[in-house]
C-alpha atoms as a PDB file:
ATOM      1  CA  MET A   1     -96.334 132.074-192.559  1.00  0.00           C
ATOM      2  CA  SER A   2     -98.783 129.791-194.311  1.00  0.00           C
ATOM      3  CA  GLN A   3    -102.485 130.425-194.627  1.00  0.00           C
ATOM      4  CA  LYS A   4    -103.342 127.642-192.156  1.00  0.00           C
ATOM      5  CA  ASN A   5    -101.467 129.260-189.299  1.00  0.00           C
ATOM      6  CA  ILE A   6    -103.205 132.626-189.635  1.00  0.00           C
ATOM      7  CA  LEU A   7    -106.131 132.861-187.210  1.00  0.00           C
ATOM      8  CA  ASN A   8    -109.238 134.726-188.215  1.00  0.00           C
ATOM      9  CA  PHE A   9    -110.976 135.505-184.934  1.00  0.00           C
ATOM     10  CA  VAL A  10    -114.007 137.057-186.628  1.00  0.00           C
ATOM     11  CA  ALA A  11    -114.639 133.956-188.765  1.00  0.00           C
ATOM     12  CA  GLU A  12    -114.214 131.609-185.781  1.00  0.00           C
ATOM     13  CA  ALA A  13    -116.640 133.719-183.729  1.00  0.00           C
ATOM     14  CA  GLN A  14    -119.192 133.596-186.556  1.00  0.00           C
ATOM     15  CA  ILE A  15    -118.824 129.805-186.852  1.00  0.00           C
ATOM     16  CA  TRP A  16    -119.334 129.418-183.098  1.00  0.00           C
ATOM     17  CA  LYS A  17    -122.373 131.724-183.223  1.00  0.00           C
ATOM     18  CA  ASN A  18    -123.891 129.591-186.016  1.00  0.00           C
ATOM     19  CA  HIS A  19    -123.350 126.413-183.975  1.00  0.00           C
ATOM     20  CA  ILE A  20    -125.110 127.911-180.956  1.00  0.00           C
ATOM     21  CA  GLU A  21    -128.029 129.127-183.097  1.00  0.00           C
ATOM     22  CA  THR A  22    -128.391 125.666-184.646  1.00  0.00           C
ATOM     23  CA  GLU A  23    -128.440 124.001-181.222  1.00  0.00           C
ATOM     24  CA  ASN A  24    -131.023 126.473-179.887  1.00  0.00           C
ATOM     25  CA  GLU A  25    -133.222 125.919-182.959  1.00  0.00           C
ATOM     26  CA  ALA A  26    -132.966 122.123-182.536  1.00  0.00           C
ATOM     27  CA  ALA A  27    -133.847 122.430-178.833  1.00  0.00           C
ATOM     28  CA  ARG A  28    -136.889 124.555-179.740  1.00  0.00           C
ATOM     29  CA  ARG A  29    -138.132 122.020-182.351  1.00  0.00           C
ATOM     30  CA  TRP A  30    -137.411 118.867-180.309  1.00  0.00           C
ATOM     31  CA  PRO A  31    -140.627 118.748-178.206  1.00  0.00           C
ATOM     32  CA  LYS A  32    -142.781 119.087-181.322  1.00  0.00           C
ATOM     33  CA  ARG A  33    -140.972 116.296-183.182  1.00  0.00           C
ATOM     34  CA  TRP A  34    -139.905 113.951-180.382  1.00  0.00           C
ATOM     35  CA  GLY A  35    -141.977 114.935-177.353  1.00  0.00           C
ATOM     36  CA  PHE A  36    -143.998 111.716-177.588  1.00  0.00           C
ATOM     37  CA  LEU A  37    -140.946 109.889-176.245  1.00  0.00           C
ATOM     38  CA  LEU A  38    -141.477 111.574-172.877  1.00  0.00           C
ATOM     39  CA  THR A  39    -145.022 110.184-172.535  1.00  0.00           C
ATOM     40  CA  PRO A  40    -145.234 107.187-170.178  1.00  0.00           C
ATOM     41  CA  VAL A  41    -146.076 103.861-171.841  1.00  0.00           C
ATOM     42  CA  GLN A  42    -149.169 103.337-169.679  1.00  0.00           C
ATOM     43  CA  GLU A  43    -150.648 106.602-170.939  1.00  0.00           C
ATOM     44  CA  LEU A  44    -150.025 105.641-174.545  1.00  0.00           C
ATOM     45  CA  LEU A  45    -151.609 102.203-174.112  1.00  0.00           C
ATOM     46  CA  LYS A  46    -154.686 103.253-172.121  1.00  0.00           C
ATOM     47  CA  ASP A  47    -156.799 103.868-175.244  1.00  0.00           C
ATOM     48  CA  GLU A  48    -155.928 100.639-176.996  1.00  0.00           C
ATOM     49  CA  LYS A  49    -158.562  97.941-177.100  1.00  0.00           C
ATOM     50  CA  LYS A  50    -157.665  94.528-175.804  1.00  0.00           C
ATOM     51  CA  GLU A  51    -158.766  91.679-178.024  1.00  0.00           C
ATOM     52  CA  PRO A  52    -161.022  89.202-176.291  1.00  0.00           C
ATOM     53  CA  ALA A  53    -159.364  85.908-175.512  1.00  0.00           C
ATOM     54  CA  LYS A  54    -160.250  83.151-177.939  1.00  0.00           C
ATOM     55  CA  PRO A  55    -162.079  80.254-176.336  1.00  0.00           C
ATOM     56  CA  LYS A  56    -160.036  77.063-176.136  1.00  0.00           C
ATOM     57  CA  ILE A  57    -161.419  74.260-178.232  1.00  0.00           C
ATOM     58  CA  PRO A  58    -160.712  70.814-176.776  1.00  0.00           C
ATOM     59  CA  LEU A  59    -158.783  68.614-179.177  1.00  0.00           C
ATOM     60  CA  PRO A  60    -159.976  65.142-180.040  1.00  0.00           C
ATOM     61  CA  GLU A  61    -158.097  62.352-178.308  1.00  0.00           C
ATOM     62  CA  HIS A  62    -156.161  61.274-181.404  1.00  0.00           C
ATOM     63  CA  LEU A  63    -154.756  64.822-181.870  1.00  0.00           C
ATOM     64  CA  GLN A  64    -153.688  65.425-178.290  1.00  0.00           C
ATOM     65  CA  ILE A  65    -150.006  65.428-177.469  1.00  0.00           C
ATOM     66  CA  ARG A  66    -148.929  62.574-175.263  1.00  0.00           C
ATOM     67  CA  PRO A  67    -146.782  63.300-172.226  1.00  0.00           C
ATOM     68  CA  VAL A  68    -143.055  62.973-172.761  1.00  0.00           C
ATOM     69  CA  THR A  69    -141.653  59.536-172.012  1.00  0.00           C
ATOM     70  CA  PRO A  70    -138.182  59.504-170.467  1.00  0.00           C
ATOM     71  CA  VAL A  71    -135.424  58.276-172.780  1.00  0.00           C
ATOM     72  CA  GLU A  72    -134.207  55.820-170.139  1.00  0.00           C
ATOM     73  CA  LYS A  73    -137.299  53.702-170.791  1.00  0.00           C
ATOM     74  CA  TYR A  74    -136.178  52.920-174.345  1.00  0.00           C
ATOM     75  CA  ILE A  75    -132.393  53.211-174.193  1.00  0.00           C
ATOM     76  CA  LYS A  76    -130.498  51.088-171.718  1.00  0.00           C
ATOM     77  CA  ILE A  77    -126.928  52.192-171.027  1.00  0.00           C
ATOM     78  CA  HIS A  78    -124.731  49.585-169.420  1.00  0.00           C
ATOM     79  CA  PRO A  79    -121.653  50.580-167.462  1.00  0.00           C
ATOM     80  CA  SER A  80    -118.397  50.534-169.396  1.00  0.00           C
ATOM     81  CA  PRO A  81    -115.577  48.182-168.468  1.00  0.00           C
ATOM     82  CA  PRO A  82    -112.528  49.775-166.862  1.00  0.00           C
ATOM     83  CA  VAL A  83    -110.237  51.707-169.189  1.00  0.00           C
ATOM     84  CA  PRO A  84    -107.152  49.686-170.178  1.00  0.00           C
ATOM     85  CA  GLN A  85    -103.730  50.786-168.957  1.00  0.00           C
ATOM     86  CA  THR A  86    -102.013  50.540-172.349  1.00  0.00           C
ATOM     87  CA  THR A  87    -102.793  52.043-175.726  1.00  0.00           C
ATOM     88  CA  GLN A  88    -102.670  48.562-177.274  1.00  0.00           C
ATOM     89  CA  GLY A  89    -105.426  47.415-174.942  1.00  0.00           C
ATOM     90  CA  PHE A  90    -107.420  50.558-175.647  1.00  0.00           C
ATOM     91  CA  ILE A  91    -108.074  49.524-179.244  1.00  0.00           C
ATOM     92  CA  GLY A  92    -111.403  47.720-179.338  1.00  0.00           C
ATOM     93  CA  TRP A  93    -111.680  47.449-175.540  1.00  0.00           C
ATOM     94  CA  ARG A  94    -115.448  47.927-175.496  1.00  0.00           C
ATOM     95  CA  SER A  95    -116.186  45.582-178.381  1.00  0.00           C
ATOM     96  CA  THR A  96    -114.539  42.606-176.634  1.00  0.00           C
ATOM     97  CA  VAL A  97    -116.922  42.690-173.679  1.00  0.00           C
ATOM     98  CA  PRO A  98    -120.041  40.510-174.176  1.00  0.00           C
ATOM     99  CA  GLY A  99    -123.112  42.692-174.414  1.00  0.00           C
ATOM    100  CA  LEU A 100    -121.154  45.670-175.740  1.00  0.00           C
ATOM    101  CA  GLU A 101    -120.011  44.143-179.016  1.00  0.00           C
ATOM    102  CA  LEU A 102    -120.421  46.173-182.141  1.00  0.00           C
ATOM    103  CA  GLU A 103    -121.419  43.312-184.432  1.00  0.00           C
ATOM    104  CA  ARG A 104    -124.701  42.186-182.995  1.00  0.00           C
ATOM    105  CA  TYR A 105    -125.619  39.525-185.523  1.00  0.00           C
ATOM    106  CA  TYR A 106    -122.089  38.371-186.439  1.00  0.00           C
ATOM    107  CA  GLN A 107    -122.799  38.765-190.139  1.00  0.00           C
ATOM    108  CA  ILE A 108    -122.711  41.755-192.421  1.00  0.00           C
ATOM    109  CA  ARG A 109    -126.187  42.443-193.612  1.00  0.00           C
ATOM    110  CA  SER A 110    -127.121  44.647-196.515  1.00  0.00           C
ATOM    111  CA  CYS A 111    -130.412  45.527-198.091  1.00  0.00           C
ATOM    112  CA  LYS A 112    -129.397  44.195-201.516  1.00  0.00           C
ATOM    113  CA  GLY A 113    -128.065  40.887-200.234  1.00  0.00           C
ATOM    114  CA  ALA A 114    -124.572  39.755-199.503  1.00  0.00           C
ATOM    115  CA  PHE A 115    -121.963  39.221-202.180  1.00  0.00           C
ATOM    116  CA  TYR A 116    -121.376  35.606-201.195  1.00  0.00           C
ATOM    117  CA  LYS A 117    -124.978  34.752-202.093  1.00  0.00           C
ATOM    118  CA  ASP A 118    -124.484  36.149-205.574  1.00  0.00           C
ATOM    119  CA  VAL A 119    -121.434  33.986-206.165  1.00  0.00           C
ATOM    120  CA  GLN A 120    -122.905  31.086-204.135  1.00  0.00           C
ATOM    121  CA  TRP A 121    -120.155  30.942-201.531  1.00  0.00           C
ATOM    122  CA  PRO A 122    -120.712  29.398-198.075  1.00  0.00           C
ATOM    123  CA  ASN A 123    -121.466  31.696-195.107  1.00  0.00           C
ATOM    124  CA  GLU A 124    -118.352  30.692-193.171  1.00  0.00           C
ATOM    125  CA  PRO A 125    -114.865  30.358-194.607  1.00  0.00           C
ATOM    126  CA  THR A 126    -113.662  26.803-195.085  1.00  0.00           C
ATOM    127  CA  ASP A 127    -110.133  25.439-195.219  1.00  0.00           C
END
């Protein structure tokens, strides 16, 4: 037989006795260390001073926050045309409807100027 299989009843009894003593000692010390957790919150807070409320100072008119304006006032959403039946018709289907076109001004505009102005080309292509 190996050493692991041999049972020492005296040693196991002593280990169990030590565990019980440790638990009893912890139970005896618990109220001193953690007894404050049993106190109701209202009893703990009864001695605390409440800070007086600060008086509200009226803001000048230019610093007051304006009421929220609904987005619908600024952004107008028009109904979409019906969805095409084919995938070919689906490509660019919204941009072909007047009022929904993507190019609003029909010219490409850039902040530095268009290339055709630099090379002095006409706005529209000519044949």
